[in-house]
Amino acid sequence: MESDGEEEEAATPGPTTPAPAGGRLKGCPELSVDCDTREMTKTAAWSVSSCKPGNGVSSLRDNSLDTYWQSDGAQPHLVNIQFQKKVQLQLVVLYVDFKLDESYTPSKISIRAGDGFHNLKEIKTVDLLKPVGWVHVSLSGTDPRETFIHTFMLQIAVLANHLNGRDTHVRQIKIYGPRPNHVPHQPFHFTSRECIMYSTVR
């Protein structure tokens, strides 16, 4: 198991990516997420079910679209992300490229969550249609009030590849959760010292 020590990234504001007809995702060229979210995996421990030498966890987290994780075993191919404490998660974003990777490109992905390997439950399954770019998978539930999940562990499982491919390529994975409010019980997100000073009644 490898730990990821990258610095927390600021989310780049952008529009929500609509799903194509039929619910099959194609990807988009730009990484665009809500400005009220942040990347959550600074202190997470990452592991994969298998990998080719030189194409492991670090290739998923190096911010390069030229590198990739390549599995080396039977399906499903798994990426496991374990957190030190229970966290709120609302979006998984993967970069995949059918034009470059062809039969190595995922066509069906399952996302599971739980306290650990012993009690993971599937929360989302998505089909990909020759995706090129960033694929955004929301973790929100069917109830509009369920905008995130609360979990110790997330698992991303590649269930199938295009053209019946055996192993898979995923070039990047990012996981976002809601940005914490700087002022408890305050509906607005003040960031400057002056605003925070005047936002409470003494």
N, C-alpha and C. Protein backbone atom coordinates (compact mmCIF):
# COMPACT_ATOMS: atom_id res chain seq x y z
N MET A 1 0.84 -1.19 0.00
CA MET A 1 0.00 0.00 0.00
C MET A 1 0.87 1.24 0.00
N GLU A 2 0.51 2.23 -0.81
CA GLU A 2 1.31 3.43 -0.90
C GLU A 2 0.50 4.62 -0.38
N SER A 3 1.19 5.54 0.27
CA SER A 3 0.53 6.74 0.75
C SER A 3 0.78 7.87 -0.21
N ASP A 4 -0.18 8.75 -0.33
CA ASP A 4 -0.08 9.88 -1.23
C ASP A 4 0.19 11.13 -0.42
N GLY A 5 1.23 11.88 -0.76
CA GLY A 5 1.59 13.03 0.04
C GLY A 5 1.52 14.34 -0.70
N GLU A 6 0.70 14.43 -1.74
CA GLU A 6 0.65 15.66 -2.48
C GLU A 6 -0.10 16.73 -1.71
N GLU A 7 0.15 17.98 -2.07
CA GLU A 7 -0.52 19.09 -1.42
C GLU A 7 -1.96 19.16 -1.87
N GLU A 8 -2.81 19.71 -1.00
CA GLU A 8 -4.22 19.86 -1.33
C GLU A 8 -4.37 20.81 -2.50
N GLU A 9 -5.23 20.46 -3.44
CA GLU A 9 -5.43 21.27 -4.62
C GLU A 9 -6.68 22.11 -4.47
N ALA A 10 -6.62 23.32 -5.01
CA ALA A 10 -7.81 24.16 -5.05
C ALA A 10 -8.65 23.71 -6.23
N ALA A 11 -9.95 23.64 -6.03
CA ALA A 11 -10.83 23.23 -7.10
C ALA A 11 -10.93 24.34 -8.12
N THR A 12 -11.01 23.98 -9.39
CA THR A 12 -11.18 24.96 -10.45
C THR A 12 -12.66 25.08 -10.77
N PRO A 13 -13.23 26.29 -10.61
CA PRO A 13 -14.66 26.44 -10.88
C PRO A 13 -14.97 26.09 -12.31
N GLY A 14 -16.15 25.54 -12.51
CA GLY A 14 -16.54 25.21 -13.87
C GLY A 14 -17.95 24.69 -13.90
N PRO A 15 -18.53 24.56 -15.07
CA PRO A 15 -19.90 24.09 -15.19
C PRO A 15 -20.00 22.60 -14.93
N THR A 16 -21.18 22.17 -14.54
CA THR A 16 -21.42 20.74 -14.36
C THR A 16 -21.48 20.07 -15.71
N THR A 17 -20.82 18.93 -15.86
CA THR A 17 -20.80 18.23 -17.13
C THR A 17 -22.04 17.36 -17.27
N PRO A 18 -22.87 17.60 -18.28
CA PRO A 18 -24.07 16.79 -18.44
C PRO A 18 -23.74 15.40 -18.94
N ALA A 19 -24.55 14.42 -18.56
CA ALA A 19 -24.36 13.05 -19.02
C ALA A 19 -24.96 12.89 -20.40
N PRO A 20 -24.31 12.18 -21.31
CA PRO A 20 -24.86 11.95 -22.63
C PRO A 20 -26.12 11.09 -22.55
N ALA A 21 -26.85 11.04 -23.66
CA ALA A 21 -28.06 10.23 -23.71
C ALA A 21 -27.73 8.78 -23.40
N GLY A 22 -28.61 8.14 -22.67
CA GLY A 22 -28.40 6.75 -22.32
C GLY A 22 -27.57 6.55 -21.07
N GLY A 23 -27.08 7.64 -20.48
CA GLY A 23 -26.33 7.55 -19.24
C GLY A 23 -24.89 7.11 -19.42
N ARG A 24 -24.38 7.05 -20.65
CA ARG A 24 -23.00 6.63 -20.89
C ARG A 24 -22.12 7.86 -21.01
N LEU A 25 -21.06 7.90 -20.22
CA LEU A 25 -20.23 9.10 -20.13
C LEU A 25 -19.13 9.07 -21.17
N LYS A 26 -18.82 10.23 -21.74
CA LYS A 26 -17.81 10.32 -22.79
C LYS A 26 -16.56 11.08 -22.34
N GLY A 27 -16.64 11.85 -21.27
CA GLY A 27 -15.49 12.62 -20.83
C GLY A 27 -15.49 14.02 -21.42
N CYS A 28 -14.74 14.92 -20.80
CA CYS A 28 -14.61 16.28 -21.31
C CYS A 28 -13.14 16.69 -21.20
N PRO A 29 -12.68 17.59 -22.08
CA PRO A 29 -11.25 17.91 -22.14
C PRO A 29 -10.72 18.66 -20.93
N GLU A 30 -11.58 19.44 -20.26
CA GLU A 30 -11.13 20.25 -19.13
C GLU A 30 -11.63 19.67 -17.81
N LEU A 31 -10.81 19.76 -16.78
CA LEU A 31 -11.22 19.37 -15.43
C LEU A 31 -11.95 20.54 -14.82
N SER A 32 -13.26 20.41 -14.63
CA SER A 32 -14.06 21.50 -14.07
C SER A 32 -14.90 20.96 -12.92
N VAL A 33 -14.70 21.55 -11.74
CA VAL A 33 -15.45 21.16 -10.55
C VAL A 33 -15.96 22.40 -9.85
N ASP A 34 -16.92 22.20 -8.97
CA ASP A 34 -17.52 23.31 -8.23
C ASP A 34 -16.49 23.96 -7.32
N CYS A 35 -16.55 25.29 -7.23
CA CYS A 35 -15.57 26.02 -6.41
C CYS A 35 -15.75 25.76 -4.92
N ASP A 36 -16.86 25.16 -4.52
CA ASP A 36 -17.09 24.85 -3.12
C ASP A 36 -16.56 23.47 -2.74
N THR A 37 -15.79 22.85 -3.63
CA THR A 37 -15.22 21.54 -3.34
C THR A 37 -13.70 21.64 -3.25
N ARG A 38 -13.10 20.58 -2.67
CA ARG A 38 -11.63 20.50 -2.60
C ARG A 38 -11.22 19.05 -2.81
N GLU A 39 -9.99 18.86 -3.33
CA GLU A 39 -9.45 17.52 -3.51
C GLU A 39 -9.14 16.94 -2.14
N MET A 40 -9.54 15.68 -1.89
CA MET A 40 -9.59 15.14 -0.54
C MET A 40 -8.49 14.15 -0.20
N THR A 41 -7.58 13.84 -1.10
CA THR A 41 -6.73 12.67 -0.89
C THR A 41 -5.29 13.00 -0.46
N LYS A 42 -5.07 14.17 0.13
CA LYS A 42 -3.72 14.56 0.56
C LYS A 42 -3.11 13.52 1.50
N THR A 43 -3.88 13.02 2.44
CA THR A 43 -3.37 12.08 3.45
C THR A 43 -3.92 10.67 3.28
N ALA A 44 -4.58 10.40 2.16
CA ALA A 44 -5.17 9.08 1.94
C ALA A 44 -4.10 8.06 1.59
N ALA A 45 -4.38 6.79 1.89
CA ALA A 45 -3.51 5.67 1.50
C ALA A 45 -4.12 5.00 0.27
N TRP A 46 -3.34 4.91 -0.80
CA TRP A 46 -3.81 4.34 -2.06
C TRP A 46 -3.20 2.96 -2.28
N SER A 47 -3.96 2.05 -2.87
CA SER A 47 -3.44 0.76 -3.29
C SER A 47 -4.23 0.30 -4.51
N VAL A 48 -3.65 -0.62 -5.28
CA VAL A 48 -4.31 -1.16 -6.45
C VAL A 48 -4.24 -2.69 -6.39
N SER A 49 -5.16 -3.33 -7.08
CA SER A 49 -5.22 -4.80 -7.05
C SER A 49 -4.05 -5.42 -7.79
N SER A 50 -3.54 -4.74 -8.80
CA SER A 50 -2.38 -5.22 -9.55
C SER A 50 -1.85 -4.08 -10.39
N CYS A 51 -0.60 -4.22 -10.86
CA CYS A 51 -0.06 -3.20 -11.75
C CYS A 51 1.18 -3.73 -12.45
N LYS A 52 1.43 -3.20 -13.64
CA LYS A 52 2.67 -3.48 -14.35
C LYS A 52 3.78 -2.68 -13.67
N PRO A 53 5.00 -3.19 -13.62
CA PRO A 53 6.10 -2.44 -13.02
C PRO A 53 6.24 -1.05 -13.66
N GLY A 54 6.30 -0.02 -12.80
CA GLY A 54 6.41 1.35 -13.30
C GLY A 54 5.10 2.01 -13.63
N ASN A 55 4.00 1.28 -13.50
CA ASN A 55 2.67 1.84 -13.82
C ASN A 55 1.71 1.61 -12.67
N GLY A 56 2.13 2.02 -11.47
CA GLY A 56 1.31 1.79 -10.27
C GLY A 56 0.59 3.03 -9.80
N VAL A 57 0.41 3.11 -8.47
CA VAL A 57 -0.36 4.19 -7.85
C VAL A 57 0.20 5.56 -8.20
N SER A 58 1.52 5.69 -8.19
CA SER A 58 2.12 7.02 -8.41
C SER A 58 1.72 7.60 -9.76
N SER A 59 1.45 6.75 -10.74
CA SER A 59 1.05 7.23 -12.07
C SER A 59 -0.36 7.80 -12.07
N LEU A 60 -1.16 7.43 -11.09
CA LEU A 60 -2.51 7.99 -10.96
C LEU A 60 -2.51 9.35 -10.30
N ARG A 61 -1.42 9.68 -9.60
CA ARG A 61 -1.42 10.86 -8.74
C ARG A 61 -0.35 11.88 -9.10
N ASP A 62 0.29 11.73 -10.27
CA ASP A 62 1.41 12.61 -10.62
C ASP A 62 1.00 13.83 -11.43
N ASN A 63 -0.30 14.04 -11.63
CA ASN A 63 -0.83 15.19 -12.37
C ASN A 63 -0.35 15.22 -13.83
N SER A 64 0.06 14.08 -14.35
CA SER A 64 0.48 13.99 -15.75
C SER A 64 -0.50 13.11 -16.52
N LEU A 65 -0.96 13.61 -17.66
CA LEU A 65 -1.86 12.83 -18.51
C LEU A 65 -1.10 11.89 -19.43
N ASP A 66 0.23 11.94 -19.37
CA ASP A 66 1.06 11.07 -20.21
C ASP A 66 1.37 9.74 -19.53
N THR A 67 1.15 9.65 -18.23
CA THR A 67 1.39 8.40 -17.51
C THR A 67 0.05 7.75 -17.17
N TYR A 68 0.10 6.48 -16.75
CA TYR A 68 -1.15 5.79 -16.44
C TYR A 68 -0.87 4.59 -15.55
N TRP A 69 -1.89 4.24 -14.77
CA TRP A 69 -1.88 2.96 -14.06
C TRP A 69 -2.30 1.89 -15.06
N GLN A 70 -1.53 0.81 -15.11
CA GLN A 70 -1.90 -0.34 -15.93
C GLN A 70 -2.02 -1.56 -15.04
N SER A 71 -3.19 -2.15 -15.02
CA SER A 71 -3.42 -3.35 -14.21
C SER A 71 -2.69 -4.54 -14.82
N ASP A 72 -2.57 -5.59 -14.03
CA ASP A 72 -1.87 -6.79 -14.50
C ASP A 72 -2.47 -8.01 -13.79
N GLY A 73 -3.73 -8.28 -14.08
CA GLY A 73 -4.39 -9.38 -13.40
C GLY A 73 -5.82 -9.53 -13.88
N ALA A 74 -6.57 -10.36 -13.18
CA ALA A 74 -7.96 -10.63 -13.57
C ALA A 74 -8.87 -9.46 -13.18
N GLN A 75 -9.92 -9.25 -13.96
CA GLN A 75 -10.95 -8.27 -13.60
C GLN A 75 -11.78 -8.80 -12.44
N PRO A 76 -12.33 -7.91 -11.61
CA PRO A 76 -12.25 -6.45 -11.72
C PRO A 76 -10.89 -5.92 -11.27
N HIS A 77 -10.51 -4.78 -11.84
CA HIS A 77 -9.29 -4.09 -11.46
C HIS A 77 -9.66 -3.00 -10.45
N LEU A 78 -8.96 -2.98 -9.32
CA LEU A 78 -9.39 -2.16 -8.19
C LEU A 78 -8.39 -1.08 -7.83
N VAL A 79 -8.93 0.10 -7.53
CA VAL A 79 -8.16 1.19 -6.90
C VAL A 79 -8.81 1.45 -5.55
N ASN A 80 -8.03 1.34 -4.48
CA ASN A 80 -8.54 1.50 -3.12
C ASN A 80 -7.98 2.78 -2.50
N ILE A 81 -8.86 3.61 -1.94
CA ILE A 81 -8.45 4.85 -1.30
C ILE A 81 -8.98 4.83 0.13
N GLN A 82 -8.06 4.79 1.11
CA GLN A 82 -8.44 4.72 2.52
C GLN A 82 -8.03 6.00 3.24
N PHE A 83 -8.96 6.53 4.02
CA PHE A 83 -8.76 7.80 4.72
C PHE A 83 -8.50 7.55 6.20
N GLN A 84 -7.76 8.47 6.83
CA GLN A 84 -7.43 8.33 8.24
C GLN A 84 -8.63 8.57 9.14
N LYS A 85 -9.61 9.29 8.63
CA LYS A 85 -10.85 9.54 9.38
C LYS A 85 -12.01 9.55 8.40
N LYS A 86 -13.21 9.54 8.92
CA LYS A 86 -14.38 9.55 8.06
C LYS A 86 -14.47 10.91 7.34
N VAL A 87 -14.67 10.86 6.04
CA VAL A 87 -14.69 12.09 5.25
C VAL A 87 -15.96 12.16 4.42
N GLN A 88 -16.28 13.37 4.01
CA GLN A 88 -17.41 13.61 3.12
C GLN A 88 -16.89 13.70 1.69
N LEU A 89 -17.45 12.88 0.80
CA LEU A 89 -17.02 12.84 -0.60
C LEU A 89 -18.22 13.04 -1.50
N GLN A 90 -18.04 13.79 -2.59
CA GLN A 90 -19.18 14.02 -3.46
C GLN A 90 -18.88 13.86 -4.95
N LEU A 91 -17.61 13.70 -5.33
CA LEU A 91 -17.30 13.62 -6.75
C LEU A 91 -16.02 12.82 -6.98
N VAL A 92 -16.08 11.89 -7.93
CA VAL A 92 -14.89 11.18 -8.40
C VAL A 92 -14.66 11.59 -9.85
N VAL A 93 -13.41 11.95 -10.16
CA VAL A 93 -13.08 12.37 -11.52
C VAL A 93 -11.91 11.52 -12.02
N LEU A 94 -12.08 10.89 -13.17
CA LEU A 94 -11.03 10.06 -13.77
C LEU A 94 -10.67 10.60 -15.14
N TYR A 95 -9.39 10.49 -15.51
CA TYR A 95 -8.99 10.82 -16.87
C TYR A 95 -8.68 9.52 -17.61
N VAL A 96 -9.42 9.28 -18.68
CA VAL A 96 -9.22 8.09 -19.52
C VAL A 96 -9.22 8.54 -20.97
N ASP A 97 -8.59 7.76 -21.86
CA ASP A 97 -8.41 8.22 -23.24
C ASP A 97 -8.52 7.03 -24.20
N PHE A 98 -9.69 6.88 -24.79
CA PHE A 98 -9.92 5.76 -25.70
C PHE A 98 -9.06 5.88 -26.97
N LYS A 99 -8.80 7.11 -27.41
CA LYS A 99 -8.01 7.30 -28.63
C LYS A 99 -6.59 6.74 -28.46
N LEU A 100 -6.03 6.89 -27.27
CA LEU A 100 -4.67 6.41 -27.02
C LEU A 100 -4.64 4.97 -26.52
N ASP A 101 -5.63 4.60 -25.70
CA ASP A 101 -5.55 3.34 -24.96
C ASP A 101 -6.44 2.23 -25.52
N GLU A 102 -7.40 2.57 -26.35
CA GLU A 102 -8.27 1.61 -27.03
C GLU A 102 -8.80 0.53 -26.09
N SER A 103 -8.40 -0.73 -26.27
CA SER A 103 -8.98 -1.83 -25.48
C SER A 103 -8.60 -1.78 -24.00
N TYR A 104 -7.66 -0.93 -23.63
CA TYR A 104 -7.31 -0.75 -22.22
C TYR A 104 -8.25 0.24 -21.52
N THR A 105 -9.15 0.86 -22.26
CA THR A 105 -10.01 1.91 -21.72
C THR A 105 -11.22 1.30 -21.01
N PRO A 106 -11.49 1.71 -19.76
CA PRO A 106 -12.66 1.17 -19.04
C PRO A 106 -13.97 1.47 -19.78
N SER A 107 -14.87 0.50 -19.74
CA SER A 107 -16.21 0.71 -20.30
C SER A 107 -17.29 0.65 -19.21
N LYS A 108 -16.95 0.06 -18.06
CA LYS A 108 -17.91 0.01 -16.95
C LYS A 108 -17.14 0.10 -15.64
N ILE A 109 -17.59 1.01 -14.78
CA ILE A 109 -16.91 1.27 -13.51
C ILE A 109 -17.92 1.21 -12.37
N SER A 110 -17.50 0.60 -11.28
CA SER A 110 -18.31 0.56 -10.06
C SER A 110 -17.57 1.34 -8.97
N ILE A 111 -18.31 2.13 -8.22
CA ILE A 111 -17.73 2.87 -7.09
C ILE A 111 -18.39 2.36 -5.82
N ARG A 112 -17.53 1.98 -4.86
CA ARG A 112 -18.00 1.38 -3.62
C ARG A 112 -17.45 2.16 -2.43
N ALA A 113 -18.17 2.11 -1.32
CA ALA A 113 -17.74 2.84 -0.12
C ALA A 113 -18.05 2.01 1.12
N GLY A 114 -17.30 2.30 2.20
CA GLY A 114 -17.52 1.59 3.45
C GLY A 114 -16.46 1.93 4.47
N ASP A 115 -16.47 1.22 5.59
CA ASP A 115 -15.49 1.44 6.65
C ASP A 115 -14.15 0.77 6.33
N GLY A 116 -14.17 -0.24 5.45
CA GLY A 116 -12.97 -0.98 5.09
C GLY A 116 -13.33 -2.04 4.08
N PHE A 117 -12.37 -2.91 3.77
CA PHE A 117 -12.60 -3.95 2.76
C PHE A 117 -13.74 -4.88 3.13
N HIS A 118 -14.02 -5.01 4.43
CA HIS A 118 -14.98 -6.01 4.88
C HIS A 118 -16.44 -5.62 4.63
N ASN A 119 -16.72 -4.34 4.43
CA ASN A 119 -18.13 -3.96 4.30
C ASN A 119 -18.38 -2.93 3.19
N LEU A 120 -17.62 -3.02 2.12
CA LEU A 120 -17.84 -2.09 0.99
C LEU A 120 -19.18 -2.37 0.33
N LYS A 121 -19.89 -1.29 -0.01
CA LYS A 121 -21.17 -1.40 -0.71
C LYS A 121 -21.11 -0.55 -1.97
N GLU A 122 -21.68 -1.08 -3.04
CA GLU A 122 -21.70 -0.34 -4.30
C GLU A 122 -22.67 0.83 -4.20
N ILE A 123 -22.19 2.02 -4.58
CA ILE A 123 -23.05 3.20 -4.54
C ILE A 123 -23.32 3.77 -5.93
N LYS A 124 -22.47 3.47 -6.89
CA LYS A 124 -22.68 3.96 -8.25
C LYS A 124 -22.05 2.99 -9.25
N THR A 125 -22.72 2.79 -10.38
CA THR A 125 -22.15 2.08 -11.51
C THR A 125 -22.34 2.95 -12.74
N VAL A 126 -21.28 3.15 -13.52
CA VAL A 126 -21.39 4.01 -14.69
C VAL A 126 -20.82 3.30 -15.90
N ASP A 127 -21.42 3.55 -17.05
CA ASP A 127 -20.94 3.03 -18.33
C ASP A 127 -20.25 4.15 -19.08
N LEU A 128 -19.13 3.85 -19.71
CA LEU A 128 -18.37 4.83 -20.46
C LEU A 128 -18.43 4.49 -21.94
N LEU A 129 -18.59 5.51 -22.77
CA LEU A 129 -18.70 5.31 -24.22
C LEU A 129 -17.50 5.95 -24.90
N LYS A 130 -16.46 5.13 -25.18
CA LYS A 130 -15.24 5.61 -25.83
C LYS A 130 -14.80 6.96 -25.25
N PRO A 131 -14.59 7.02 -23.94
CA PRO A 131 -14.32 8.32 -23.30
C PRO A 131 -12.94 8.86 -23.64
N VAL A 132 -12.88 10.16 -23.83
CA VAL A 132 -11.61 10.87 -24.00
C VAL A 132 -11.67 12.12 -23.12
N GLY A 133 -10.94 12.11 -22.02
CA GLY A 133 -10.94 13.27 -21.14
C GLY A 133 -11.35 12.91 -19.72
N TRP A 134 -11.79 13.93 -19.00
CA TRP A 134 -12.16 13.79 -17.59
C TRP A 134 -13.60 13.29 -17.48
N VAL A 135 -13.77 12.20 -16.79
CA VAL A 135 -15.11 11.64 -16.55
C VAL A 135 -15.51 11.97 -15.12
N HIS A 136 -16.63 12.67 -14.97
CA HIS A 136 -17.11 13.12 -13.66
C HIS A 136 -18.21 12.19 -13.18
N VAL A 137 -18.02 11.61 -12.00
CA VAL A 137 -19.02 10.71 -11.42
C VAL A 137 -19.47 11.28 -10.08
N SER A 138 -20.70 11.75 -10.03
CA SER A 138 -21.24 12.31 -8.80
C SER A 138 -21.57 11.19 -7.82
N LEU A 139 -21.29 11.42 -6.54
CA LEU A 139 -21.59 10.44 -5.51
C LEU A 139 -22.90 10.76 -4.78
N SER A 140 -23.63 11.77 -5.24
CA SER A 140 -24.89 12.14 -4.60
C SER A 140 -25.93 11.06 -4.82
N GLY A 141 -26.87 10.97 -3.88
CA GLY A 141 -27.92 9.97 -3.96
C GLY A 141 -29.11 10.45 -4.76
N THR A 142 -30.16 9.63 -4.80
CA THR A 142 -31.37 9.99 -5.53
C THR A 142 -32.15 11.09 -4.82
N ASP A 143 -32.01 11.17 -3.50
CA ASP A 143 -32.63 12.23 -2.73
C ASP A 143 -31.80 13.51 -2.91
N PRO A 144 -32.43 14.64 -3.32
CA PRO A 144 -31.68 15.89 -3.54
C PRO A 144 -30.90 16.34 -2.31
N ARG A 145 -31.32 15.88 -1.12
CA ARG A 145 -30.61 16.28 0.10
C ARG A 145 -29.33 15.47 0.31
N GLU A 146 -29.18 14.37 -0.42
CA GLU A 146 -28.00 13.52 -0.29
C GLU A 146 -26.95 13.98 -1.29
N THR A 147 -26.19 15.01 -0.94
CA THR A 147 -25.22 15.59 -1.86
C THR A 147 -23.83 14.99 -1.71
N PHE A 148 -23.61 14.17 -0.69
CA PHE A 148 -22.29 13.55 -0.50
C PHE A 148 -22.46 12.25 0.27
N ILE A 149 -21.37 11.46 0.31
CA ILE A 149 -21.34 10.27 1.15
C ILE A 149 -20.34 10.51 2.28
N HIS A 150 -20.49 9.75 3.36
CA HIS A 150 -19.64 9.88 4.55
C HIS A 150 -18.96 8.53 4.73
N THR A 151 -17.64 8.45 4.53
CA THR A 151 -17.01 7.14 4.47
C THR A 151 -15.55 7.17 4.90
N PHE A 152 -15.03 6.00 5.28
CA PHE A 152 -13.60 5.82 5.57
C PHE A 152 -12.83 5.35 4.34
N MET A 153 -13.55 4.73 3.40
CA MET A 153 -12.85 4.10 2.27
C MET A 153 -13.69 4.21 1.01
N LEU A 154 -12.99 4.41 -0.10
CA LEU A 154 -13.62 4.42 -1.42
C LEU A 154 -12.87 3.43 -2.30
N GLN A 155 -13.62 2.66 -3.07
CA GLN A 155 -13.01 1.73 -4.01
C GLN A 155 -13.57 1.97 -5.41
N ILE A 156 -12.68 2.10 -6.38
CA ILE A 156 -13.08 2.25 -7.77
C ILE A 156 -12.73 0.96 -8.48
N ALA A 157 -13.74 0.29 -9.02
CA ALA A 157 -13.56 -1.02 -9.65
C ALA A 157 -13.84 -0.92 -11.14
N VAL A 158 -12.87 -1.31 -11.96
CA VAL A 158 -13.08 -1.39 -13.41
C VAL A 158 -13.63 -2.78 -13.70
N LEU A 159 -14.89 -2.83 -14.10
CA LEU A 159 -15.57 -4.11 -14.32
C LEU A 159 -15.39 -4.64 -15.73
N ALA A 160 -15.20 -3.75 -16.70
CA ALA A 160 -15.06 -4.16 -18.09
C ALA A 160 -14.33 -3.08 -18.87
N ASN A 161 -13.68 -3.49 -19.96
CA ASN A 161 -12.99 -2.57 -20.85
C ASN A 161 -13.63 -2.59 -22.23
N HIS A 162 -13.36 -1.56 -23.01
CA HIS A 162 -13.79 -1.53 -24.40
C HIS A 162 -13.12 -2.67 -25.18
N LEU A 163 -13.80 -3.13 -26.21
CA LEU A 163 -13.28 -4.16 -27.11
C LEU A 163 -12.86 -5.43 -26.37
N ASN A 164 -13.53 -5.67 -25.22
CA ASN A 164 -13.25 -6.86 -24.39
C ASN A 164 -11.80 -6.94 -23.92
N GLY A 165 -11.19 -5.78 -23.71
CA GLY A 165 -9.81 -5.75 -23.23
C GLY A 165 -9.68 -6.35 -21.84
N ARG A 166 -8.50 -6.89 -21.54
CA ARG A 166 -8.28 -7.57 -20.26
C ARG A 166 -7.79 -6.59 -19.19
N ASP A 167 -6.65 -5.96 -19.43
CA ASP A 167 -6.10 -5.00 -18.47
C ASP A 167 -6.58 -3.60 -18.81
N THR A 168 -6.36 -2.69 -17.87
CA THR A 168 -6.93 -1.36 -18.01
C THR A 168 -5.88 -0.27 -17.85
N HIS A 169 -6.16 0.89 -18.44
CA HIS A 169 -5.38 2.10 -18.24
C HIS A 169 -6.30 3.18 -17.65
N VAL A 170 -5.87 3.79 -16.55
CA VAL A 170 -6.50 4.99 -16.03
C VAL A 170 -5.37 5.98 -15.79
N ARG A 171 -5.50 7.20 -16.32
CA ARG A 171 -4.38 8.14 -16.32
C ARG A 171 -4.34 9.04 -15.09
N GLN A 172 -5.47 9.41 -14.55
CA GLN A 172 -5.51 10.22 -13.32
C GLN A 172 -6.81 9.94 -12.59
N ILE A 173 -6.77 10.07 -11.26
CA ILE A 173 -7.98 10.00 -10.44
C ILE A 173 -7.92 11.12 -9.41
N LYS A 174 -9.00 11.86 -9.29
CA LYS A 174 -9.12 12.89 -8.26
C LYS A 174 -10.46 12.72 -7.56
N ILE A 175 -10.47 13.00 -6.26
CA ILE A 175 -11.69 12.82 -5.46
C ILE A 175 -11.96 14.10 -4.70
N TYR A 176 -13.18 14.60 -4.82
CA TYR A 176 -13.53 15.89 -4.23
C TYR A 176 -14.62 15.74 -3.17
N GLY A 177 -14.52 16.60 -2.17
CA GLY A 177 -15.53 16.69 -1.13
C GLY A 177 -15.86 18.15 -0.88
N PRO A 178 -16.89 18.42 -0.07
CA PRO A 178 -17.26 19.80 0.20
C PRO A 178 -16.16 20.54 0.97
N ARG A 179 -15.93 21.77 0.58
CA ARG A 179 -14.94 22.59 1.27
C ARG A 179 -15.49 22.97 2.64
N PRO A 180 -14.70 22.81 3.72
CA PRO A 180 -15.23 23.12 5.06
C PRO A 180 -15.50 24.60 5.23
N ASN A 181 -16.52 24.89 6.03
CA ASN A 181 -16.86 26.27 6.33
C ASN A 181 -15.88 26.80 7.36
N HIS A 182 -15.31 27.98 7.12
CA HIS A 182 -14.33 28.55 8.04
C HIS A 182 -14.95 29.01 9.35
N VAL A 183 -16.25 29.33 9.31
CA VAL A 183 -16.92 29.82 10.51
C VAL A 183 -18.04 28.84 10.85
N PRO A 184 -18.00 28.15 11.99
CA PRO A 184 -19.06 27.20 12.35
C PRO A 184 -20.43 27.84 12.34
N HIS A 185 -21.43 27.11 11.84
CA HIS A 185 -22.83 27.55 11.83
C HIS A 185 -23.04 28.80 10.98
N GLN A 186 -22.12 29.11 10.11
CA GLN A 186 -22.23 30.29 9.26
C GLN A 186 -22.51 29.82 7.83
N PRO A 187 -23.64 30.24 7.23
CA PRO A 187 -23.98 29.75 5.90
C PRO A 187 -23.06 30.24 4.79
N PHE A 188 -22.31 31.34 5.05
CA PHE A 188 -21.44 31.89 4.02
C PHE A 188 -19.99 31.48 4.28
N HIS A 189 -19.20 31.43 3.22
CA HIS A 189 -17.81 31.01 3.31
C HIS A 189 -16.89 32.23 3.31
N PHE A 190 -16.68 32.84 4.47
CA PHE A 190 -15.76 33.96 4.56
C PHE A 190 -14.33 33.44 4.61
N THR A 191 -13.43 34.14 3.89
CA THR A 191 -12.03 33.72 3.87
C THR A 191 -11.08 34.77 4.41
N SER A 192 -11.42 36.05 4.28
CA SER A 192 -10.51 37.08 4.77
C SER A 192 -10.66 37.27 6.27
N ARG A 193 -9.58 37.68 6.92
CA ARG A 193 -9.58 37.87 8.36
C ARG A 193 -10.59 38.94 8.77
N GLU A 194 -10.71 39.99 7.93
CA GLU A 194 -11.64 41.08 8.27
C GLU A 194 -13.09 40.60 8.27
N CYS A 195 -13.44 39.81 7.26
CA CYS A 195 -14.83 39.31 7.19
C CYS A 195 -15.13 38.36 8.34
N ILE A 196 -14.18 37.49 8.65
CA ILE A 196 -14.40 36.55 9.74
C ILE A 196 -14.55 37.29 11.07
N MET A 197 -13.76 38.36 11.26
CA MET A 197 -13.81 39.12 12.51
C MET A 197 -15.19 39.73 12.75
N TYR A 198 -15.82 40.21 11.65
CA TYR A 198 -17.12 40.87 11.78
C TYR A 198 -18.31 39.93 11.54
N SER A 199 -18.03 38.64 11.34
CA SER A 199 -19.12 37.71 11.01
C SER A 199 -19.76 37.09 12.25
N THR A 200 -19.20 37.34 13.44
CA THR A 200 -19.76 36.80 14.67
C THR A 200 -20.14 37.93 15.61
N VAL A 201 -21.14 37.67 16.40
CA VAL A 201 -21.57 38.66 17.41
C VAL A 201 -20.89 38.34 18.73
N ARG A 202 -20.19 39.30 19.28
CA ARG A 202 -19.49 39.07 20.54
C ARG A 202 -20.37 39.45 21.72
